[in-house]
Amino acid sequence: MEEGKAYSPDGVFAHLEMLETRAHQAAMKQEEREQQEEKLARLKARVQELRLQRDELRAKVDLQQKGQLGKEGVALDPAQPSARAVLEWKIKSVKAMLQLFYLTGISGKLTKRGVCFCISTAYEGTYLDSYYLDLLTKPEVQIHRHSIPIFIPLEQIAKKYLQTDIRRFLSVLSDHLNAYVGRRYQADQLQEHFSHQIEGTLQRNSLCNLLVFNYNVSSKSKTFPFNVRLLYGDLCCSLPTEVVVSCAPDAPAALPGNSTAAGNV
């Protein structure tokens, strides 16, 4: 009977409940923080959009004024501005768009053949990698070269948005990249700071949307091995959508079958 109490699963279940509570609290805090950041980003983006509209209206007024007199001093139709004025307006609009993207970690500069964008990524205030995307604008918008990882669905995103909505294209691509580096950063931090509890090596795939590792919990001079599987079903999210915690295959004989917990985050 004493031996049965030593291997009672109550302690194991209590530990699983504690892990679940901590994970839920962390997810709630992360969600609240992300909502605040998204709200701030939307407000900043709205300000830039209003400024862009203001600049466009000013540019149209300038075009009408510049287009009223030709080389001979003959009055022209205000609706037909000069080619130079149109070019200046286009350049000004592109620069305003680049400034708008800068607020979301996307910067760019004009090139002779198009635009070169830099997408900077970060996780919880820690700046991580930067990725580059060189676009050609003539005869149509197309990707010339880039440093986007091969496992990011760049081709699918481009097919859906590049020709119709370049802002949406860059926004979705940025979401994918930020989510990827966020997942990778979490895995690195887990491996670095909890290596004394993790048994063996933390396993991950290229996208870091599946993490598997074993860890040990000690209680009353006994060691309980657990297996954890984290699945990130949303590739634009840096938080897992499914967490499975179970006894490792090499658990003591008294444990198999009595300590498996799974849940959706």
C-alpha atoms as a PDB file:
ATOM      1  CA  MET A   1       0.000   0.000   0.000  1.00  0.00           C
ATOM      2  CA  GLU A   2       2.875   2.367   0.859  1.00  0.00           C
ATOM      3  CA  GLU A   3       4.430   1.662  -2.512  1.00  0.00           C
ATOM      4  CA  GLY A   4       1.123   2.513  -4.221  1.00  0.00           C
ATOM      5  CA  LYS A   5       1.019   5.890  -2.481  1.00  0.00           C
ATOM      6  CA  ALA A   6       4.582   6.671  -3.608  1.00  0.00           C
ATOM      7  CA  TYR A   7       3.532   6.236  -7.226  1.00  0.00           C
ATOM      8  CA  SER A   8       0.139   7.908  -6.848  1.00  0.00           C
ATOM      9  CA  PRO A   9      -0.791   9.806  -9.990  1.00  0.00           C
ATOM     10  CA  ASP A  10      -2.252  12.677  -7.954  1.00  0.00           C
ATOM     11  CA  GLY A  11       1.063  14.510  -7.946  1.00  0.00           C
ATOM     12  CA  VAL A  12       1.408  14.018 -11.681  1.00  0.00           C
ATOM     13  CA  PHE A  13      -2.095  15.374 -12.370  1.00  0.00           C
ATOM     14  CA  ALA A  14      -1.486  18.306 -10.045  1.00  0.00           C
ATOM     15  CA  HIS A  15       1.658  19.135 -11.958  1.00  0.00           C
ATOM     16  CA  LEU A  16      -0.189  18.938 -15.271  1.00  0.00           C
ATOM     17  CA  GLU A  17      -2.918  21.230 -13.947  1.00  0.00           C
ATOM     18  CA  MET A  18      -0.270  23.710 -12.798  1.00  0.00           C
ATOM     19  CA  LEU A  19       1.375  23.639 -16.241  1.00  0.00           C
ATOM     20  CA  GLU A  20      -1.995  24.144 -17.929  1.00  0.00           C
ATOM     21  CA  THR A  21      -2.834  27.100 -15.651  1.00  0.00           C
ATOM     22  CA  ARG A  22       0.517  28.739 -16.289  1.00  0.00           C
ATOM     23  CA  ALA A  23       0.197  28.226 -20.025  1.00  0.00           C
ATOM     24  CA  HIS A  24      -3.300  29.728 -20.006  1.00  0.00           C
ATOM     25  CA  GLN A  25      -2.193  32.761 -17.990  1.00  0.00           C
ATOM     26  CA  ALA A  26       0.797  33.318 -20.265  1.00  0.00           C
ATOM     27  CA  ALA A  27      -1.414  33.020 -23.343  1.00  0.00           C
ATOM     28  CA  MET A  28      -3.910  35.546 -21.937  1.00  0.00           C
ATOM     29  CA  LYS A  29      -1.159  38.056 -21.160  1.00  0.00           C
ATOM     30  CA  GLN A  30       0.383  37.539 -24.578  1.00  0.00           C
ATOM     31  CA  GLU A  31      -2.981  37.968 -26.284  1.00  0.00           C
ATOM     32  CA  GLU A  32      -3.675  41.204 -24.365  1.00  0.00           C
ATOM     33  CA  ARG A  33      -0.219  42.543 -25.208  1.00  0.00           C
ATOM     34  CA  GLU A  34      -0.635  41.671 -28.890  1.00  0.00           C
ATOM     35  CA  GLN A  35      -4.074  43.333 -28.998  1.00  0.00           C
ATOM     36  CA  GLN A  36      -2.588  46.542 -27.579  1.00  0.00           C
ATOM     37  CA  GLU A  37       0.275  46.447 -30.079  1.00  0.00           C
ATOM     38  CA  GLU A  38      -2.120  45.798 -32.957  1.00  0.00           C
ATOM     39  CA  LYS A  39      -4.360  48.684 -31.857  1.00  0.00           C
ATOM     40  CA  LEU A  40      -1.373  51.034 -31.703  1.00  0.00           C
ATOM     41  CA  ALA A  41      -0.153  49.853 -35.098  1.00  0.00           C
ATOM     42  CA  ARG A  42      -3.620  50.387 -36.611  1.00  0.00           C
ATOM     43  CA  LEU A  43      -3.777  53.913 -35.201  1.00  0.00           C
ATOM     44  CA  LYS A  44      -0.329  54.737 -36.537  1.00  0.00           C
ATOM     45  CA  ALA A  45      -1.214  53.261 -39.904  1.00  0.00           C
ATOM     46  CA  ARG A  46      -4.440  55.285 -39.990  1.00  0.00           C
ATOM     47  CA  VAL A  47      -2.486  58.477 -39.292  1.00  0.00           C
ATOM     48  CA  GLN A  48      -0.140  57.697 -42.160  1.00  0.00           C
ATOM     49  CA  GLU A  49      -3.042  56.920 -44.466  1.00  0.00           C
ATOM     50  CA  LEU A  50      -4.618  60.290 -43.686  1.00  0.00           C
ATOM     51  CA  ARG A  51      -1.299  61.994 -44.291  1.00  0.00           C
ATOM     52  CA  LEU A  52      -0.966  60.138 -47.569  1.00  0.00           C
ATOM     53  CA  GLN A  53      -4.437  61.262 -48.650  1.00  0.00           C
ATOM     54  CA  ARG A  54      -3.544  64.825 -47.711  1.00  0.00           C
ATOM     55  CA  ASP A  55      -0.332  64.650 -49.755  1.00  0.00           C
ATOM     56  CA  GLU A  56      -2.209  63.189 -52.720  1.00  0.00           C
ATOM     57  CA  LEU A  57      -4.728  66.030 -52.643  1.00  0.00           C
ATOM     58  CA  ARG A  58      -1.927  68.588 -52.456  1.00  0.00           C
ATOM     59  CA  ALA A  59      -0.161  66.873 -55.350  1.00  0.00           C
ATOM     60  CA  LYS A  60      -3.317  66.958 -57.479  1.00  0.00           C
ATOM     61  CA  VAL A  61      -3.676  70.678 -56.835  1.00  0.00           C
ATOM     62  CA  ASP A  62      -0.031  71.191 -57.811  1.00  0.00           C
ATOM     63  CA  LEU A  63      -0.563  69.145 -60.978  1.00  0.00           C
ATOM     64  CA  GLN A  64      -3.508  71.287 -62.004  1.00  0.00           C
ATOM     65  CA  GLN A  65      -1.529  74.462 -61.419  1.00  0.00           C
ATOM     66  CA  LYS A  66       1.507  73.208 -63.310  1.00  0.00           C
ATOM     67  CA  GLY A  67      -0.569  71.867 -66.168  1.00  0.00           C
ATOM     68  CA  GLN A  68      -2.379  75.098 -66.999  1.00  0.00           C
ATOM     69  CA  LEU A  69       0.422  76.644 -69.138  1.00  0.00           C
ATOM     70  CA  GLY A  70       2.393  74.958 -71.907  1.00  0.00           C
ATOM     71  CA  LYS A  71       5.798  75.850 -73.391  1.00  0.00           C
ATOM     72  CA  GLU A  72       4.287  78.625 -75.534  1.00  0.00           C
ATOM     73  CA  GLY A  73       2.292  80.062 -72.697  1.00  0.00           C
ATOM     74  CA  VAL A  74      -0.937  78.639 -74.115  1.00  0.00           C
ATOM     75  CA  ALA A  75      -3.488  77.584 -71.608  1.00  0.00           C
ATOM     76  CA  LEU A  76      -3.810  73.787 -71.297  1.00  0.00           C
ATOM     77  CA  ASP A  77      -6.594  71.615 -69.984  1.00  0.00           C
ATOM     78  CA  PRO A  78      -6.091  71.279 -66.178  1.00  0.00           C
ATOM     79  CA  ALA A  79      -7.254  67.681 -66.488  1.00  0.00           C
ATOM     80  CA  GLN A  80      -4.193  66.917 -68.668  1.00  0.00           C
ATOM     81  CA  PRO A  81      -1.117  67.670 -66.504  1.00  0.00           C
ATOM     82  CA  SER A  82       2.425  67.502 -67.875  1.00  0.00           C
ATOM     83  CA  ALA A  83       4.362  64.218 -67.897  1.00  0.00           C
ATOM     84  CA  ARG A  84       6.914  65.665 -65.471  1.00  0.00           C
ATOM     85  CA  ALA A  85       4.205  66.615 -62.994  1.00  0.00           C
ATOM     86  CA  VAL A  86       2.678  63.135 -63.208  1.00  0.00           C
ATOM     87  CA  LEU A  87       6.088  61.547 -62.567  1.00  0.00           C
ATOM     88  CA  GLU A  88       6.683  63.778 -59.547  1.00  0.00           C
ATOM     89  CA  TRP A  89       3.292  62.817 -58.153  1.00  0.00           C
ATOM     90  CA  LYS A  90       3.998  59.097 -58.578  1.00  0.00           C
ATOM     91  CA  ILE A  91       7.376  59.377 -56.860  1.00  0.00           C
ATOM     92  CA  LYS A  92       5.832  61.308 -53.984  1.00  0.00           C
ATOM     93  CA  SER A  93       3.090  58.689 -53.576  1.00  0.00           C
ATOM     94  CA  VAL A  94       5.607  55.819 -53.508  1.00  0.00           C
ATOM     95  CA  LYS A  95       7.709  57.606 -50.889  1.00  0.00           C
ATOM     96  CA  ALA A  96       4.610  58.127 -48.746  1.00  0.00           C
ATOM     97  CA  MET A  97       3.771  54.419 -49.044  1.00  0.00           C
ATOM     98  CA  LEU A  98       7.299  53.468 -47.972  1.00  0.00           C
ATOM     99  CA  GLN A  99       6.963  55.715 -44.932  1.00  0.00           C
ATOM    100  CA  LEU A 100       3.675  54.018 -44.047  1.00  0.00           C
ATOM    101  CA  PHE A 101       5.275  50.564 -44.213  1.00  0.00           C
ATOM    102  CA  TYR A 102       8.167  51.702 -42.017  1.00  0.00           C
ATOM    103  CA  LEU A 103       5.857  51.834 -38.987  1.00  0.00           C
ATOM    104  CA  THR A 104       5.205  48.094 -39.304  1.00  0.00           C
ATOM    105  CA  GLY A 105       8.878  47.088 -39.646  1.00  0.00           C
ATOM    106  CA  ILE A 106       8.907  47.329 -43.448  1.00  0.00           C
ATOM    107  CA  SER A 107      11.221  49.807 -45.121  1.00  0.00           C
ATOM    108  CA  GLY A 108      12.172  50.266 -48.747  1.00  0.00           C
ATOM    109  CA  LYS A 109      13.996  52.343 -51.286  1.00  0.00           C
ATOM    110  CA  LEU A 110      13.476  53.054 -54.949  1.00  0.00           C
ATOM    111  CA  THR A 111      15.811  51.381 -57.428  1.00  0.00           C
ATOM    112  CA  LYS A 112      16.351  51.905 -61.140  1.00  0.00           C
ATOM    113  CA  ARG A 113      14.056  48.997 -61.953  1.00  0.00           C
ATOM    114  CA  GLY A 114      11.605  49.004 -59.050  1.00  0.00           C
ATOM    115  CA  VAL A 115      11.627  48.905 -55.238  1.00  0.00           C
ATOM    116  CA  CYS A 116      13.784  47.025 -52.726  1.00  0.00           C
ATOM    117  CA  PHE A 117      12.008  46.237 -49.432  1.00  0.00           C
ATOM    118  CA  CYS A 118      13.511  45.245 -46.089  1.00  0.00           C
ATOM    119  CA  ILE A 119      11.245  43.374 -43.650  1.00  0.00           C
ATOM    120  CA  SER A 120      12.565  43.573 -40.086  1.00  0.00           C
ATOM    121  CA  THR A 121      11.273  41.016 -37.586  1.00  0.00           C
ATOM    122  CA  ALA A 122      11.022  41.063 -33.795  1.00  0.00           C
ATOM    123  CA  TYR A 123       9.514  39.140 -30.894  1.00  0.00           C
ATOM    124  CA  GLU A 124       8.327  40.883 -27.714  1.00  0.00           C
ATOM    125  CA  GLY A 125      10.602  43.869 -28.259  1.00  0.00           C
ATOM    126  CA  THR A 126      13.660  41.838 -29.298  1.00  0.00           C
ATOM    127  CA  TYR A 127      14.752  42.593 -32.851  1.00  0.00           C
ATOM    128  CA  LEU A 128      15.715  39.479 -34.775  1.00  0.00           C
ATOM    129  CA  ASP A 129      16.366  38.919 -38.494  1.00  0.00           C
ATOM    130  CA  SER A 130      15.832  41.141 -41.528  1.00  0.00           C
ATOM    131  CA  TYR A 131      14.763  39.847 -44.935  1.00  0.00           C
ATOM    132  CA  TYR A 132      15.045  41.538 -48.311  1.00  0.00           C
ATOM    133  CA  LEU A 133      12.739  41.557 -51.308  1.00  0.00           C
ATOM    134  CA  ASP A 134      13.640  43.188 -54.632  1.00  0.00           C
ATOM    135  CA  LEU A 135      10.627  43.919 -56.847  1.00  0.00           C
ATOM    136  CA  LEU A 136      10.553  44.929 -60.505  1.00  0.00           C
ATOM    137  CA  THR A 137       7.734  47.244 -61.534  1.00  0.00           C
ATOM    138  CA  LYS A 138       7.951  47.084 -65.343  1.00  0.00           C
ATOM    139  CA  PRO A 139       6.230  45.758 -67.358  1.00  0.00           C
ATOM    140  CA  GLU A 140       4.399  44.347 -64.319  1.00  0.00           C
ATOM    141  CA  VAL A 141       5.216  43.864 -60.649  1.00  0.00           C
ATOM    142  CA  GLN A 142       7.324  40.755 -60.143  1.00  0.00           C
ATOM    143  CA  ILE A 143       9.863  39.375 -57.668  1.00  0.00           C
ATOM    144  CA  HIS A 144      13.430  39.785 -58.933  1.00  0.00           C
ATOM    145  CA  ARG A 145      15.374  38.339 -55.992  1.00  0.00           C
ATOM    146  CA  HIS A 146      14.896  37.847 -52.255  1.00  0.00           C
ATOM    147  CA  SER A 147      16.284  36.362 -49.040  1.00  0.00           C
ATOM    148  CA  ILE A 148      12.990  34.884 -47.807  1.00  0.00           C
ATOM    149  CA  PRO A 149      13.463  31.322 -46.387  1.00  0.00           C
ATOM    150  CA  ILE A 150      12.375  28.632 -48.821  1.00  0.00           C
ATOM    151  CA  PHE A 151       9.788  27.204 -46.379  1.00  0.00           C
ATOM    152  CA  ILE A 152       7.850  30.490 -46.221  1.00  0.00           C
ATOM    153  CA  PRO A 153       4.958  30.280 -48.770  1.00  0.00           C
ATOM    154  CA  LEU A 154       6.177  33.312 -50.738  1.00  0.00           C
ATOM    155  CA  GLU A 155       4.927  32.052 -54.111  1.00  0.00           C
ATOM    156  CA  GLN A 156       1.384  31.469 -52.834  1.00  0.00           C
ATOM    157  CA  ILE A 157       1.254  34.868 -51.113  1.00  0.00           C
ATOM    158  CA  ALA A 158       2.566  36.601 -54.249  1.00  0.00           C
ATOM    159  CA  LYS A 159       0.071  34.808 -56.474  1.00  0.00           C
ATOM    160  CA  LYS A 160      -2.789  35.977 -54.269  1.00  0.00           C
ATOM    161  CA  TYR A 161      -1.831  39.605 -53.594  1.00  0.00           C
ATOM    162  CA  LEU A 162       1.211  40.886 -55.508  1.00  0.00           C
ATOM    163  CA  GLN A 163      -0.544  42.077 -58.670  1.00  0.00           C
ATOM    164  CA  THR A 164      -3.671  43.436 -56.993  1.00  0.00           C
ATOM    165  CA  ASP A 165      -2.698  44.719 -53.540  1.00  0.00           C
ATOM    166  CA  ILE A 166       1.013  45.154 -52.798  1.00  0.00           C
ATOM    167  CA  ARG A 167       0.297  46.540 -49.331  1.00  0.00           C
ATOM    168  CA  ARG A 168      -1.608  43.407 -48.408  1.00  0.00           C
ATOM    169  CA  PHE A 169       1.140  41.266 -49.954  1.00  0.00           C
ATOM    170  CA  LEU A 170       3.844  42.846 -47.775  1.00  0.00           C
ATOM    171  CA  SER A 171       1.635  42.746 -44.677  1.00  0.00           C
ATOM    172  CA  VAL A 172       0.862  39.024 -45.007  1.00  0.00           C
ATOM    173  CA  LEU A 173       4.486  38.198 -45.800  1.00  0.00           C
ATOM    174  CA  SER A 174       5.601  40.184 -42.743  1.00  0.00           C
ATOM    175  CA  ASP A 175       3.111  38.271 -40.558  1.00  0.00           C
ATOM    176  CA  HIS A 176       4.540  34.942 -41.747  1.00  0.00           C
ATOM    177  CA  LEU A 177       8.136  36.027 -41.137  1.00  0.00           C
ATOM    178  CA  ASN A 178       7.481  37.520 -37.702  1.00  0.00           C
ATOM    179  CA  ALA A 179       5.564  34.427 -36.605  1.00  0.00           C
ATOM    180  CA  TYR A 180       8.362  32.141 -37.834  1.00  0.00           C
ATOM    181  CA  VAL A 181      11.189  34.015 -36.077  1.00  0.00           C
ATOM    182  CA  GLY A 182       9.001  34.245 -32.951  1.00  0.00           C
ATOM    183  CA  ARG A 183       8.549  30.469 -32.846  1.00  0.00           C
ATOM    184  CA  ARG A 184      12.239  29.910 -33.526  1.00  0.00           C
ATOM    185  CA  TYR A 185      13.207  32.388 -30.802  1.00  0.00           C
ATOM    186  CA  GLN A 186      10.971  30.643 -28.261  1.00  0.00           C
ATOM    187  CA  ALA A 187      12.497  27.265 -29.135  1.00  0.00           C
ATOM    188  CA  ASP A 188      16.024  28.669 -28.781  1.00  0.00           C
ATOM    189  CA  GLN A 189      15.200  30.241 -25.415  1.00  0.00           C
ATOM    190  CA  LEU A 190      13.606  27.016 -24.192  1.00  0.00           C
ATOM    191  CA  GLN A 191      16.666  25.018 -25.186  1.00  0.00           C
ATOM    192  CA  GLU A 192      19.038  27.577 -23.660  1.00  0.00           C
ATOM    193  CA  HIS A 193      17.367  28.269 -20.321  1.00  0.00           C
ATOM    194  CA  PHE A 194      15.791  24.889 -19.542  1.00  0.00           C
ATOM    195  CA  SER A 195      18.429  22.533 -20.916  1.00  0.00           C
ATOM    196  CA  HIS A 196      18.907  21.108 -17.391  1.00  0.00           C
ATOM    197  CA  GLN A 197      15.321  19.824 -17.449  1.00  0.00           C
ATOM    198  CA  ILE A 198      15.056  18.837 -21.109  1.00  0.00           C
ATOM    199  CA  GLU A 199      16.115  15.288 -21.822  1.00  0.00           C
ATOM    200  CA  GLY A 200      18.103  15.112 -25.045  1.00  0.00           C
ATOM    201  CA  THR A 201      17.607  17.616 -27.855  1.00  0.00           C
ATOM    202  CA  LEU A 202      14.525  19.662 -28.579  1.00  0.00           C
ATOM    203  CA  GLN A 203      13.220  18.524 -31.970  1.00  0.00           C
ATOM    204  CA  ARG A 204      11.836  21.045 -34.447  1.00  0.00           C
ATOM    205  CA  ASN A 205      11.058  21.284 -38.148  1.00  0.00           C
ATOM    206  CA  SER A 206      12.166  24.043 -40.530  1.00  0.00           C
ATOM    207  CA  LEU A 207       9.117  26.245 -39.888  1.00  0.00           C
ATOM    208  CA  CYS A 208       9.380  25.644 -36.128  1.00  0.00           C
ATOM    209  CA  ASN A 209       5.635  25.011 -36.101  1.00  0.00           C
ATOM    210  CA  LEU A 210       6.136  21.592 -34.469  1.00  0.00           C
ATOM    211  CA  LEU A 211       8.272  21.234 -31.328  1.00  0.00           C
ATOM    212  CA  VAL A 212       8.798  17.951 -29.489  1.00  0.00           C
ATOM    213  CA  PHE A 213      10.894  17.409 -26.383  1.00  0.00           C
ATOM    214  CA  ASN A 214      11.141  15.353 -23.192  1.00  0.00           C
ATOM    215  CA  TYR A 215      11.619  16.757 -19.706  1.00  0.00           C
ATOM    216  CA  ASN A 216      11.876  15.366 -16.196  1.00  0.00           C
ATOM    217  CA  VAL A 217      10.003  16.325 -13.035  1.00  0.00           C
ATOM    218  CA  SER A 218      11.303  15.177  -9.651  1.00  0.00           C
ATOM    219  CA  SER A 219       9.049  14.521  -6.698  1.00  0.00           C
ATOM    220  CA  LYS A 220       9.814  12.656  -3.451  1.00  0.00           C
ATOM    221  CA  SER A 221      13.140  11.384  -4.808  1.00  0.00           C
ATOM    222  CA  LYS A 222      11.325  10.061  -7.862  1.00  0.00           C
ATOM    223  CA  THR A 223      11.824  11.288 -11.422  1.00  0.00           C
ATOM    224  CA  PHE A 224       8.843  11.454 -13.773  1.00  0.00           C
ATOM    225  CA  PRO A 225       9.675  11.725 -17.499  1.00  0.00           C
ATOM    226  CA  PHE A 226       7.204  13.629 -19.700  1.00  0.00           C
ATOM    227  CA  ASN A 227       6.891  14.125 -23.428  1.00  0.00           C
ATOM    228  CA  VAL A 228       5.644  17.454 -24.816  1.00  0.00           C
ATOM    229  CA  ARG A 229       4.355  18.176 -28.322  1.00  0.00           C
ATOM    230  CA  LEU A 230       3.621  21.784 -29.365  1.00  0.00           C
ATOM    231  CA  LEU A 231       1.771  22.348 -32.621  1.00  0.00           C
ATOM    232  CA  TYR A 232       1.421  25.792 -34.226  1.00  0.00           C
ATOM    233  CA  GLY A 233      -1.524  25.355 -36.564  1.00  0.00           C
ATOM    234  CA  ASP A 234      -1.606  29.044 -37.575  1.00  0.00           C
ATOM    235  CA  LEU A 235       1.573  29.907 -39.511  1.00  0.00           C
ATOM    236  CA  CYS A 236       0.942  33.616 -38.868  1.00  0.00           C
ATOM    237  CA  CYS A 237       0.975  33.100 -35.104  1.00  0.00           C
ATOM    238  CA  SER A 238       3.872  32.636 -32.681  1.00  0.00           C
ATOM    239  CA  LEU A 239       1.760  30.827 -30.047  1.00  0.00           C
ATOM    240  CA  PRO A 240       0.883  27.099 -30.186  1.00  0.00           C
ATOM    241  CA  THR A 241      -2.652  26.081 -31.084  1.00  0.00           C
ATOM    242  CA  GLU A 242      -2.345  22.598 -29.579  1.00  0.00           C
ATOM    243  CA  VAL A 243      -0.306  21.290 -26.623  1.00  0.00           C
ATOM    244  CA  VAL A 244       0.002  17.605 -25.746  1.00  0.00           C
ATOM    245  CA  VAL A 245       1.764  16.490 -22.549  1.00  0.00           C
ATOM    246  CA  SER A 246       2.108  12.773 -21.849  1.00  0.00           C
ATOM    247  CA  CYS A 247       4.284  10.296 -20.000  1.00  0.00           C
ATOM    248  CA  ALA A 248       7.387   9.397 -21.939  1.00  0.00           C
ATOM    249  CA  PRO A 249       7.628   5.817 -23.280  1.00  0.00           C
ATOM    250  CA  ASP A 250      10.336   4.999 -20.745  1.00  0.00           C
ATOM    251  CA  ALA A 251       8.225   6.047 -17.745  1.00  0.00           C
ATOM    252  CA  PRO A 252       8.220   3.834 -14.581  1.00  0.00           C
ATOM    253  CA  ALA A 253       5.920   0.832 -14.680  1.00  0.00           C
ATOM    254  CA  ALA A 254       3.379   2.424 -12.342  1.00  0.00           C
ATOM    255  CA  LEU A 255       2.831   5.458 -14.613  1.00  0.00           C
ATOM    256  CA  PRO A 256       1.869   4.426 -18.177  1.00  0.00           C
ATOM    257  CA  GLY A 257      -1.690   5.238 -19.169  1.00  0.00           C
ATOM    258  CA  ASN A 258      -2.530   7.501 -16.273  1.00  0.00           C
ATOM    259  CA  SER A 259      -1.058  10.917 -17.156  1.00  0.00           C
ATOM    260  CA  THR A 260      -1.870  12.235 -20.580  1.00  0.00           C
ATOM    261  CA  ALA A 261      -3.141  15.770 -21.062  1.00  0.00           C
ATOM    262  CA  ALA A 262      -3.989  17.540 -24.249  1.00  0.00           C
ATOM    263  CA  GLY A 263      -5.523  20.855 -24.983  1.00  0.00           C
ATOM    264  CA  ASN A 264      -5.993  23.666 -27.468  1.00  0.00           C
ATOM    265  CA  VAL A 265      -4.528  27.043 -26.672  1.00  0.00           C
END
